[in-house]
Amino acid sequence: MGKGHEIYQNAVHTKGWSEDLMNKMYKDFLTEDEIKEVLEGKDLYLTGDQVNARINKRNGIFDKMRKEHQKAEKAKIPKIMKRQKAVDKQV
């Protein structure tokens, strides 16, 4: 019984881990339904043009996220500089 339980727990853990990874890695490339189907064991066939279109779409999403992140980081600079000036005055 001991080994069987370990094998079962490992399978349950691996299933959850792989589902999480699949959802994170293929978000914005595959649709939610396509991810679900792949996780259910179905094959997914895409043409080269479909793959290129999805990569371009995903890259656009990543580019937008990167720009938003850079904007947020840039907005922090004045606050950091203000704190640094206050520290410099104390020294």
PDB file of N, CA and C in Angstrom:
ATOM      1  N   MET A   1       0.805  -1.206   0.000  1.00  0.00           N
ATOM      2  CA  MET A   1       0.000   0.000   0.000  1.00  0.00           C
ATOM      3  C   MET A   1       0.844   1.265   0.000  1.00  0.00           C
ATOM      4  N   GLY A   2       1.964   1.247   0.683  1.00  0.00           N
ATOM      5  CA  GLY A   2       2.780   2.454   0.815  1.00  0.00           C
ATOM      6  C   GLY A   2       3.222   3.036  -0.512  1.00  0.00           C
ATOM      7  N   LYS A   3       3.778   2.218  -1.376  1.00  0.00           N
ATOM      8  CA  LYS A   3       4.266   2.715  -2.658  1.00  0.00           C
ATOM      9  C   LYS A   3       3.133   3.208  -3.540  1.00  0.00           C
ATOM     10  N   GLY A   4       2.016   2.495  -3.520  1.00  0.00           N
ATOM     11  CA  GLY A   4       0.873   2.902  -4.338  1.00  0.00           C
ATOM     12  C   GLY A   4       0.405   4.293  -3.990  1.00  0.00           C
ATOM     13  N   HIS A   5       0.373   4.594  -2.688  1.00  0.00           N
ATOM     14  CA  HIS A   5      -0.025   5.930  -2.235  1.00  0.00           C
ATOM     15  C   HIS A   5       0.964   6.985  -2.710  1.00  0.00           C
ATOM     16  N   GLU A   6       2.257   6.682  -2.649  1.00  0.00           N
ATOM     17  CA  GLU A   6       3.280   7.620  -3.110  1.00  0.00           C
ATOM     18  C   GLU A   6       3.138   7.893  -4.603  1.00  0.00           C
ATOM     19  N   ILE A   7       2.893   6.837  -5.350  1.00  0.00           N
ATOM     20  CA  ILE A   7       2.724   6.993  -6.803  1.00  0.00           C
ATOM     21  C   ILE A   7       1.500   7.856  -7.100  1.00  0.00           C
ATOM     22  N   TYR A   8       0.417   7.613  -6.390  1.00  0.00           N
ATOM     23  CA  TYR A   8      -0.792   8.398  -6.573  1.00  0.00           C
ATOM     24  C   TYR A   8      -0.556   9.868  -6.233  1.00  0.00           C
ATOM     25  N   GLN A   9       0.060  10.137  -5.093  1.00  0.00           N
ATOM     26  CA  GLN A   9       0.333  11.517  -4.674  1.00  0.00           C
ATOM     27  C   GLN A   9       1.242  12.225  -5.677  1.00  0.00           C
ATOM     28  N   ASN A  10       2.227  11.493  -6.190  1.00  0.00           N
ATOM     29  CA  ASN A  10       3.111  12.075  -7.191  1.00  0.00           C
ATOM     30  C   ASN A  10       2.339  12.425  -8.455  1.00  0.00           C
ATOM     31  N   ALA A  11       1.434  11.554  -8.868  1.00  0.00           N
ATOM     32  CA  ALA A  11       0.629  11.813 -10.069  1.00  0.00           C
ATOM     33  C   ALA A  11      -0.271  13.030  -9.870  1.00  0.00           C
ATOM     34  N   VAL A  12      -0.889  13.124  -8.695  1.00  0.00           N
ATOM     35  CA  VAL A  12      -1.762  14.264  -8.395  1.00  0.00           C
ATOM     36  C   VAL A  12      -0.945  15.559  -8.416  1.00  0.00           C
ATOM     37  N   HIS A  13       0.218  15.534  -7.779  1.00  0.00           N
ATOM     38  CA  HIS A  13       1.080  16.721  -7.749  1.00  0.00           C
ATOM     39  C   HIS A  13       1.534  17.096  -9.155  1.00  0.00           C
ATOM     40  N   THR A  14       1.985  16.127  -9.910  1.00  0.00           N
ATOM     41  CA  THR A  14       2.483  16.390 -11.261  1.00  0.00           C
ATOM     42  C   THR A  14       1.378  16.935 -12.150  1.00  0.00           C
ATOM     43  N   LYS A  15       0.174  16.416 -12.013  1.00  0.00           N
ATOM     44  CA  LYS A  15      -0.959  16.911 -12.808  1.00  0.00           C
ATOM     45  C   LYS A  15      -1.213  18.386 -12.511  1.00  0.00           C
ATOM     46  N   GLY A  16      -1.265  18.748 -11.248  1.00  0.00           N
ATOM     47  CA  GLY A  16      -1.495  20.146 -10.871  1.00  0.00           C
ATOM     48  C   GLY A  16      -0.384  21.053 -11.336  1.00  0.00           C
ATOM     49  N   TRP A  17       0.843  20.596 -11.142  1.00  0.00           N
ATOM     50  CA  TRP A  17       2.009  21.382 -11.539  1.00  0.00           C
ATOM     51  C   TRP A  17       2.036  21.600 -13.048  1.00  0.00           C
ATOM     52  N   SER A  18       1.774  20.537 -13.807  1.00  0.00           N
ATOM     53  CA  SER A  18       1.829  20.652 -15.262  1.00  0.00           C
ATOM     54  C   SER A  18       0.685  21.494 -15.803  1.00  0.00           C
ATOM     55  N   GLU A  19      -0.492  21.406 -15.181  1.00  0.00           N
ATOM     56  CA  GLU A  19      -1.610  22.256 -15.601  1.00  0.00           C
ATOM     57  C   GLU A  19      -1.301  23.719 -15.363  1.00  0.00           C
ATOM     58  N   ASP A  20      -0.723  24.031 -14.211  1.00  0.00           N
ATOM     59  CA  ASP A  20      -0.347  25.405 -13.893  1.00  0.00           C
ATOM     60  C   ASP A  20       0.693  25.925 -14.889  1.00  0.00           C
ATOM     61  N   LEU A  21       1.701  25.112 -15.148  1.00  0.00           N
ATOM     62  CA  LEU A  21       2.749  25.496 -16.102  1.00  0.00           C
ATOM     63  C   LEU A  21       2.165  25.715 -17.491  1.00  0.00           C
ATOM     64  N   MET A  22       1.326  24.807 -17.939  1.00  0.00           N
ATOM     65  CA  MET A  22       0.721  24.912 -19.268  1.00  0.00           C
ATOM     66  C   MET A  22      -0.093  26.195 -19.386  1.00  0.00           C
ATOM     67  N   ASN A  23      -0.891  26.491 -18.366  1.00  0.00           N
ATOM     68  CA  ASN A  23      -1.706  27.706 -18.394  1.00  0.00           C
ATOM     69  C   ASN A  23      -0.849  28.963 -18.426  1.00  0.00           C
ATOM     70  N   LYS A  24       0.220  28.988 -17.655  1.00  0.00           N
ATOM     71  CA  LYS A  24       1.082  30.174 -17.626  1.00  0.00           C
ATOM     72  C   LYS A  24       1.898  30.334 -18.907  1.00  0.00           C
ATOM     73  N   MET A  25       2.438  29.237 -19.404  1.00  0.00           N
ATOM     74  CA  MET A  25       3.336  29.314 -20.562  1.00  0.00           C
ATOM     75  C   MET A  25       2.592  29.558 -21.871  1.00  0.00           C
ATOM     76  N   TYR A  26       1.392  29.026 -21.983  1.00  0.00           N
ATOM     77  CA  TYR A  26       0.687  29.127 -23.260  1.00  0.00           C
ATOM     78  C   TYR A  26      -0.443  30.145 -23.265  1.00  0.00           C
ATOM     79  N   LYS A  27      -0.618  30.846 -22.137  1.00  0.00           N
ATOM     80  CA  LYS A  27      -1.581  31.946 -22.100  1.00  0.00           C
ATOM     81  C   LYS A  27      -1.155  32.953 -23.163  1.00  0.00           C
ATOM     82  N   ASP A  28      -2.089  33.502 -23.857  1.00  0.00           N
ATOM     83  CA  ASP A  28      -1.833  34.483 -24.916  1.00  0.00           C
ATOM     84  C   ASP A  28      -1.257  33.860 -26.185  1.00  0.00           C
ATOM     85  N   PHE A  29      -1.085  32.527 -26.205  1.00  0.00           N
ATOM     86  CA  PHE A  29      -0.689  31.836 -27.432  1.00  0.00           C
ATOM     87  C   PHE A  29      -1.790  30.857 -27.833  1.00  0.00           C
ATOM     88  N   LEU A  30      -2.259  30.075 -26.879  1.00  0.00           N
ATOM     89  CA  LEU A  30      -3.397  29.194 -27.099  1.00  0.00           C
ATOM     90  C   LEU A  30      -4.603  29.789 -26.394  1.00  0.00           C
ATOM     91  N   THR A  31      -5.781  29.480 -26.886  1.00  0.00           N
ATOM     92  CA  THR A  31      -6.996  29.922 -26.192  1.00  0.00           C
ATOM     93  C   THR A  31      -7.187  29.050 -24.947  1.00  0.00           C
ATOM     94  N   GLU A  32      -8.040  29.499 -24.049  1.00  0.00           N
ATOM     95  CA  GLU A  32      -8.321  28.701 -22.849  1.00  0.00           C
ATOM     96  C   GLU A  32      -8.879  27.334 -23.240  1.00  0.00           C
ATOM     97  N   ASP A  33      -9.754  27.305 -24.246  1.00  0.00           N
ATOM     98  CA  ASP A  33     -10.319  26.026 -24.694  1.00  0.00           C
ATOM     99  C   ASP A  33      -9.241  25.118 -25.273  1.00  0.00           C
ATOM    100  N   GLU A  34      -8.305  25.692 -26.035  1.00  0.00           N
ATOM    101  CA  GLU A  34      -7.223  24.886 -26.612  1.00  0.00           C
ATOM    102  C   GLU A  34      -6.323  24.315 -25.524  1.00  0.00           C
ATOM    103  N   ILE A  35      -6.025  25.113 -24.517  1.00  0.00           N
ATOM    104  CA  ILE A  35      -5.206  24.626 -23.396  1.00  0.00           C
ATOM    105  C   ILE A  35      -5.929  23.482 -22.698  1.00  0.00           C
ATOM    106  N   LYS A  36      -7.214  23.664 -22.459  1.00  0.00           N
ATOM    107  CA  LYS A  36      -8.011  22.624 -21.808  1.00  0.00           C
ATOM    108  C   LYS A  36      -7.983  21.335 -22.624  1.00  0.00           C
ATOM    109  N   GLU A  37      -8.143  21.461 -23.929  1.00  0.00           N
ATOM    110  CA  GLU A  37      -8.138  20.278 -24.791  1.00  0.00           C
ATOM    111  C   GLU A  37      -6.784  19.570 -24.775  1.00  0.00           C
ATOM    112  N   VAL A  38      -5.706  20.343 -24.811  1.00  0.00           N
ATOM    113  CA  VAL A  38      -4.366  19.751 -24.771  1.00  0.00           C
ATOM    114  C   VAL A  38      -4.166  19.025 -23.443  1.00  0.00           C
ATOM    115  N   LEU A  39      -4.608  19.638 -22.355  1.00  0.00           N
ATOM    116  CA  LEU A  39      -4.485  18.997 -21.047  1.00  0.00           C
ATOM    117  C   LEU A  39      -5.323  17.727 -20.951  1.00  0.00           C
ATOM    118  N   GLU A  40      -6.371  17.663 -21.752  1.00  0.00           N
ATOM    119  CA  GLU A  40      -7.202  16.456 -21.792  1.00  0.00           C
ATOM    120  C   GLU A  40      -6.603  15.392 -22.712  1.00  0.00           C
ATOM    121  N   GLY A  41      -5.485  15.726 -23.360  1.00  0.00           N
ATOM    122  CA  GLY A  41      -4.807  14.747 -24.196  1.00  0.00           C
ATOM    123  C   GLY A  41      -5.082  14.859 -25.680  1.00  0.00           C
ATOM    124  N   LYS A  42      -5.814  15.869 -26.080  1.00  0.00           N
ATOM    125  CA  LYS A  42      -6.126  16.037 -27.500  1.00  0.00           C
ATOM    126  C   LYS A  42      -4.934  16.655 -28.229  1.00  0.00           C
ATOM    127  N   ASP A  43      -4.761  16.270 -29.473  1.00  0.00           N
ATOM    128  CA  ASP A  43      -3.699  16.853 -30.298  1.00  0.00           C
ATOM    129  C   ASP A  43      -4.179  18.176 -30.869  1.00  0.00           C
ATOM    130  N   LEU A  44      -3.263  19.093 -31.039  1.00  0.00           N
ATOM    131  CA  LEU A  44      -3.569  20.402 -31.606  1.00  0.00           C
ATOM    132  C   LEU A  44      -2.643  20.611 -32.789  1.00  0.00           C
ATOM    133  N   TYR A  45      -3.214  20.888 -33.922  1.00  0.00           N
ATOM    134  CA  TYR A  45      -2.421  21.076 -35.129  1.00  0.00           C
ATOM    135  C   TYR A  45      -2.577  22.510 -35.609  1.00  0.00           C
ATOM    136  N   LEU A  46      -1.453  23.190 -35.758  1.00  0.00           N
ATOM    137  CA  LEU A  46      -1.440  24.567 -36.247  1.00  0.00           C
ATOM    138  C   LEU A  46      -0.545  24.641 -37.474  1.00  0.00           C
ATOM    139  N   THR A  47      -0.903  25.511 -38.389  1.00  0.00           N
ATOM    140  CA  THR A  47      -0.045  25.739 -39.549  1.00  0.00           C
ATOM    141  C   THR A  47       1.045  26.725 -39.164  1.00  0.00           C
ATOM    142  N   GLY A  48       2.047  26.829 -39.996  1.00  0.00           N
ATOM    143  CA  GLY A  48       3.113  27.801 -39.743  1.00  0.00           C
ATOM    144  C   GLY A  48       2.580  29.223 -39.669  1.00  0.00           C
ATOM    145  N   ASP A  49       1.620  29.549 -40.532  1.00  0.00           N
ATOM    146  CA  ASP A  49       1.030  30.887 -40.501  1.00  0.00           C
ATOM    147  C   ASP A  49       0.266  31.138 -39.204  1.00  0.00           C
ATOM    148  N   GLN A  50      -0.420  30.124 -38.714  1.00  0.00           N
ATOM    149  CA  GLN A  50      -1.146  30.275 -37.447  1.00  0.00           C
ATOM    150  C   GLN A  50      -0.174  30.487 -36.283  1.00  0.00           C
ATOM    151  N   VAL A  51       0.912  29.732 -36.290  1.00  0.00           N
ATOM    152  CA  VAL A  51       1.916  29.887 -35.232  1.00  0.00           C
ATOM    153  C   VAL A  51       2.517  31.283 -35.288  1.00  0.00           C
ATOM    154  N   ASN A  52       2.893  31.741 -36.478  1.00  0.00           N
ATOM    155  CA  ASN A  52       3.475  33.088 -36.612  1.00  0.00           C
ATOM    156  C   ASN A  52       2.502  34.164 -36.150  1.00  0.00           C
ATOM    157  N   ALA A  53       1.240  34.042 -36.528  1.00  0.00           N
ATOM    158  CA  ALA A  53       0.236  35.030 -36.113  1.00  0.00           C
ATOM    159  C   ALA A  53       0.097  35.054 -34.594  1.00  0.00           C
ATOM    160  N   ARG A  54       0.096  33.886 -33.977  1.00  0.00           N
ATOM    161  CA  ARG A  54      -0.046  33.814 -32.524  1.00  0.00           C
ATOM    162  C   ARG A  54       1.198  34.344 -31.813  1.00  0.00           C
ATOM    163  N   ILE A  55       2.357  34.066 -32.364  1.00  0.00           N
ATOM    164  CA  ILE A  55       3.594  34.597 -31.778  1.00  0.00           C
ATOM    165  C   ILE A  55       3.591  36.115 -31.862  1.00  0.00           C
ATOM    166  N   ASN A  56       3.191  36.653 -33.002  1.00  0.00           N
ATOM    167  CA  ASN A  56       3.143  38.113 -33.150  1.00  0.00           C
ATOM    168  C   ASN A  56       2.146  38.735 -32.189  1.00  0.00           C
ATOM    169  N   LYS A  57       0.993  38.091 -32.029  1.00  0.00           N
ATOM    170  CA  LYS A  57      -0.013  38.590 -31.080  1.00  0.00           C
ATOM    171  C   LYS A  57       0.554  38.567 -29.661  1.00  0.00           C
ATOM    172  N   ARG A  58       1.167  37.452 -29.304  1.00  0.00           N
ATOM    173  CA  ARG A  58       1.739  37.310 -27.960  1.00  0.00           C
ATOM    174  C   ARG A  58       2.855  38.318 -27.731  1.00  0.00           C
ATOM    175  N   ASN A  59       3.704  38.517 -28.735  1.00  0.00           N
ATOM    176  CA  ASN A  59       4.774  39.502 -28.610  1.00  0.00           C
ATOM    177  C   ASN A  59       4.216  40.901 -28.401  1.00  0.00           C
ATOM    178  N   GLY A  60       3.106  41.213 -29.063  1.00  0.00           N
ATOM    179  CA  GLY A  60       2.461  42.508 -28.858  1.00  0.00           C
ATOM    180  C   GLY A  60       1.976  42.677 -27.432  1.00  0.00           C
ATOM    181  N   ILE A  61       1.419  41.618 -26.879  1.00  0.00           N
ATOM    182  CA  ILE A  61       0.953  41.653 -25.485  1.00  0.00           C
ATOM    183  C   ILE A  61       2.141  41.837 -24.545  1.00  0.00           C
ATOM    184  N   PHE A  62       3.214  41.081 -24.786  1.00  0.00           N
ATOM    185  CA  PHE A  62       4.414  41.201 -23.944  1.00  0.00           C
ATOM    186  C   PHE A  62       5.020  42.589 -24.048  1.00  0.00           C
ATOM    187  N   ASP A  63       5.031  43.149 -25.254  1.00  0.00           N
ATOM    188  CA  ASP A  63       5.597  44.480 -25.461  1.00  0.00           C
ATOM    189  C   ASP A  63       4.798  45.522 -24.675  1.00  0.00           C
ATOM    190  N   LYS A  64       3.475  45.395 -24.710  1.00  0.00           N
ATOM    191  CA  LYS A  64       2.623  46.316 -23.955  1.00  0.00           C
ATOM    192  C   LYS A  64       2.889  46.188 -22.459  1.00  0.00           C
ATOM    193  N   MET A  65       3.008  44.949 -21.970  1.00  0.00           N
ATOM    194  CA  MET A  65       3.290  44.719 -20.553  1.00  0.00           C
ATOM    195  C   MET A  65       4.649  45.311 -20.164  1.00  0.00           C
ATOM    196  N   ARG A  66       5.641  45.129 -21.043  1.00  0.00           N
ATOM    197  CA  ARG A  66       6.984  45.654 -20.768  1.00  0.00           C
ATOM    198  C   ARG A  66       6.949  47.178 -20.676  1.00  0.00           C
ATOM    199  N   LYS A  67       6.242  47.817 -21.600  1.00  0.00           N
ATOM    200  CA  LYS A  67       6.150  49.283 -21.589  1.00  0.00           C
ATOM    201  C   LYS A  67       5.446  49.790 -20.341  1.00  0.00           C
ATOM    202  N   GLU A  68       4.379  49.093 -19.931  1.00  0.00           N
ATOM    203  CA  GLU A  68       3.673  49.490 -18.712  1.00  0.00           C
ATOM    204  C   GLU A  68       4.575  49.338 -17.490  1.00  0.00           C
ATOM    205  N   HIS A  69       5.349  48.257 -17.458  1.00  0.00           N
ATOM    206  CA  HIS A  69       6.276  48.037 -16.352  1.00  0.00           C
ATOM    207  C   HIS A  69       7.351  49.118 -16.328  1.00  0.00           C
ATOM    208  N   GLN A  70       7.893  49.450 -17.489  1.00  0.00           N
ATOM    209  CA  GLN A  70       8.924  50.496 -17.551  1.00  0.00           C
ATOM    210  C   GLN A  70       8.363  51.842 -17.098  1.00  0.00           C
ATOM    211  N   LYS A  71       7.136  52.133 -17.495  1.00  0.00           N
ATOM    212  CA  LYS A  71       6.502  53.391 -17.092  1.00  0.00           C
ATOM    213  C   LYS A  71       6.332  53.444 -15.574  1.00  0.00           C
ATOM    214  N   ALA A  72       5.901  52.329 -14.991  1.00  0.00           N
ATOM    215  CA  ALA A  72       5.716  52.270 -13.538  1.00  0.00           C
ATOM    216  C   ALA A  72       7.050  52.427 -12.812  1.00  0.00           C
ATOM    217  N   GLU A  73       8.096  51.783 -13.345  1.00  0.00           N
ATOM    218  CA  GLU A  73       9.417  51.889 -12.730  1.00  0.00           C
ATOM    219  C   GLU A  73       9.954  53.310 -12.848  1.00  0.00           C
ATOM    220  N   LYS A  74       9.731  53.939 -13.970  1.00  0.00           N
ATOM    221  CA  LYS A  74      10.206  55.314 -14.188  1.00  0.00           C
ATOM    222  C   LYS A  74       9.522  56.283 -13.226  1.00  0.00           C
ATOM    223  N   ALA A  75       8.246  56.000 -12.931  1.00  0.00           N
ATOM    224  CA  ALA A  75       7.499  56.858 -12.002  1.00  0.00           C
ATOM    225  C   ALA A  75       8.059  56.777 -10.588  1.00  0.00           C
ATOM    226  N   LYS A  76       8.749  55.706 -10.244  1.00  0.00           N
ATOM    227  CA  LYS A  76       9.332  55.537  -8.910  1.00  0.00           C
ATOM    228  C   LYS A  76      10.602  56.355  -8.718  1.00  0.00           C
ATOM    229  N   ILE A  77      11.267  56.724  -9.797  1.00  0.00           N
ATOM    230  CA  ILE A  77      12.571  57.385  -9.705  1.00  0.00           C
ATOM    231  C   ILE A  77      12.518  58.683  -8.894  1.00  0.00           C
ATOM    232  N   PRO A  78      11.563  59.595  -9.130  1.00  0.00           N
ATOM    233  CA  PRO A  78      11.538  60.823  -8.314  1.00  0.00           C
ATOM    234  C   PRO A  78      11.407  60.545  -6.811  1.00  0.00           C
ATOM    235  N   LYS A  79      10.613  59.553  -6.438  1.00  0.00           N
ATOM    236  CA  LYS A  79      10.448  59.214  -5.023  1.00  0.00           C
ATOM    237  C   LYS A  79      11.756  58.680  -4.445  1.00  0.00           C
ATOM    238  N   ILE A  80      12.436  57.869  -5.209  1.00  0.00           N
ATOM    239  CA  ILE A  80      13.712  57.309  -4.757  1.00  0.00           C
ATOM    240  C   ILE A  80      14.737  58.433  -4.595  1.00  0.00           C
ATOM    241  N   MET A  81      14.766  59.334  -5.557  1.00  0.00           N
ATOM    242  CA  MET A  81      15.725  60.446  -5.492  1.00  0.00           C
ATOM    243  C   MET A  81      15.432  61.342  -4.285  1.00  0.00           C
ATOM    244  N   LYS A  82      14.157  61.560  -4.012  1.00  0.00           N
ATOM    245  CA  LYS A  82      13.773  62.390  -2.871  1.00  0.00           C
ATOM    246  C   LYS A  82      14.241  61.745  -1.568  1.00  0.00           C
ATOM    247  N   ARG A  83      14.036  60.411  -1.453  1.00  0.00           N
ATOM    248  CA  ARG A  83      14.481  59.717  -0.260  1.00  0.00           C
ATOM    249  C   ARG A  83      16.008  59.759  -0.135  1.00  0.00           C
ATOM    250  N   GLN A  84      16.696  59.622  -1.251  1.00  0.00           N
ATOM    251  CA  GLN A  84      18.147  59.638  -1.228  1.00  0.00           C
ATOM    252  C   GLN A  84      18.676  60.999  -0.783  1.00  0.00           C
ATOM    253  N   LYS A  85      18.036  62.069  -1.237  1.00  0.00           N
ATOM    254  CA  LYS A  85      18.447  63.415  -0.825  1.00  0.00           C
ATOM    255  C   LYS A  85      18.263  63.586   0.673  1.00  0.00           C
ATOM    256  N   ALA A  86      17.155  63.043   1.206  1.00  0.00           N
ATOM    257  CA  ALA A  86      16.911  63.130   2.651  1.00  0.00           C
ATOM    258  C   ALA A  86      17.971  62.361   3.419  1.00  0.00           C
ATOM    259  N   VAL A  87      18.369  61.213   2.924  1.00  0.00           N
ATOM    260  CA  VAL A  87      19.416  60.427   3.571  1.00  0.00           C
ATOM    261  C   VAL A  87      20.738  61.160   3.500  1.00  0.00           C
ATOM    262  N   ASP A  88      21.042  61.725   2.327  1.00  0.00           N
ATOM    263  CA  ASP A  88      22.297  62.477   2.166  1.00  0.00           C
ATOM    264  C   ASP A  88      22.390  63.651   3.121  1.00  0.00           C
ATOM    265  N   LYS A  89      21.273  64.305   3.389  1.00  0.00           N
ATOM    266  CA  LYS A  89      21.263  65.440   4.318  1.00  0.00           C
ATOM    267  C   LYS A  89      21.574  65.006   5.739  1.00  0.00           C
ATOM    268  N   GLN A  90      21.161  63.784   6.084  1.00  0.00           N
ATOM    269  CA  GLN A  90      21.371  63.261   7.429  1.00  0.00           C
ATOM    270  C   GLN A  90      22.836  62.865   7.651  1.00  0.00           C
ATOM    271  N   VAL A  91      23.515  62.536   6.582  1.00  0.00           N
ATOM    272  CA  VAL A  91      24.878  62.046   6.713  1.00  0.00           C
ATOM    273  C   VAL A  91      25.825  63.163   6.845  1.00  0.00           C
TER     274      VAL A  91
END
